[in-house]
């Protein structure tokens, strides 16, 4: 299975926005991102129900199936 495609934008203190294209996956674990303060995550290719740790990211996560 191919790795997710990621792009990010950075502010003065590092990456603040992360965009992941995970359309080739069935599930993705986002728990490593919980401790990244202020990170906004956009996931394309999966809905929240297929993302482990989505609830903990709260409104910092935007997920869509396509």
Protein backbone atom coordinates (compact mmCIF):
# COMPACT_ATOMS: atom_id res chain seq x y z
CA UNK A 1 0.00 0.00 0.00
CA UNK A 2 1.49 3.39 -0.92
CA UNK A 3 2.28 5.93 1.76
CA UNK A 4 -0.06 8.91 2.21
CA UNK A 5 0.77 11.99 0.20
CA UNK A 6 1.39 14.99 2.45
CA UNK A 7 1.82 18.70 1.90
CA UNK A 8 2.22 21.30 4.57
CA UNK A 9 2.52 25.02 5.11
CA UNK A 10 4.64 26.56 7.77
CA UNK A 11 4.38 29.62 9.92
CA UNK A 12 7.04 31.29 12.01
CA UNK A 13 7.26 28.30 14.36
CA UNK A 14 7.00 25.33 11.98
CA UNK A 15 4.26 23.47 10.16
CA UNK A 16 0.74 24.70 10.99
CA UNK A 17 -1.32 23.04 8.24
CA UNK A 18 -1.03 19.46 7.04
CA UNK A 19 -2.91 18.05 4.05
CA UNK A 20 -2.96 14.27 3.57
CA UNK A 21 -4.27 12.41 0.53
CA UNK A 22 -4.99 8.93 1.84
CA UNK A 23 -7.39 7.70 -0.84
CA UNK A 24 -5.38 4.47 -1.23
CA UNK A 25 -5.89 3.54 2.46
CA UNK A 26 -8.74 2.06 4.45
CA UNK A 27 -7.75 3.53 7.81
CA UNK A 28 -5.24 6.07 9.12
CA UNK A 29 -3.90 6.59 12.64
CA UNK A 30 -3.70 10.28 13.53
CA UNK A 31 -2.77 9.85 17.19
CA UNK A 32 0.86 11.01 16.69
CA UNK A 33 -0.57 14.42 15.71
CA UNK A 34 -2.49 14.96 18.99
CA UNK A 35 0.44 16.60 20.74
CA UNK A 36 1.27 18.96 17.85
CA UNK A 37 -0.13 22.27 19.13
CA UNK A 38 -2.14 24.33 16.70
CA UNK A 39 -1.75 21.91 13.79
CA UNK A 40 -4.68 21.98 11.37
CA UNK A 41 -5.11 18.67 9.51
CA UNK A 42 -6.99 18.12 6.26
CA UNK A 43 -7.51 14.50 5.19
CA UNK A 44 -8.73 13.66 1.69
CA UNK A 45 -9.94 10.18 0.84
CA UNK A 46 -11.35 9.02 4.19
CA UNK A 47 -14.13 10.10 6.51
CA UNK A 48 -13.73 10.59 10.27
CA UNK A 49 -15.08 7.12 10.98
CA UNK A 50 -11.97 5.64 9.32
CA UNK A 51 -9.49 7.88 11.13
CA UNK A 52 -8.05 6.69 14.44
CA UNK A 53 -7.73 9.64 16.81
CA UNK A 54 -10.05 11.93 14.85
CA UNK A 55 -12.18 12.82 17.87
CA UNK A 56 -9.17 14.03 19.86
CA UNK A 57 -8.18 16.44 17.06
CA UNK A 58 -11.65 17.96 17.23
CA UNK A 59 -12.10 21.05 15.08
CA UNK A 60 -8.44 20.94 14.03
CA UNK A 61 -9.42 18.12 11.62
CA UNK A 62 -11.24 18.40 8.31
CA UNK A 63 -11.88 15.04 6.61
CA UNK A 64 -13.65 14.28 3.37
CA UNK A 65 -14.07 11.14 1.26
CA UNK A 66 -12.75 12.67 -1.90
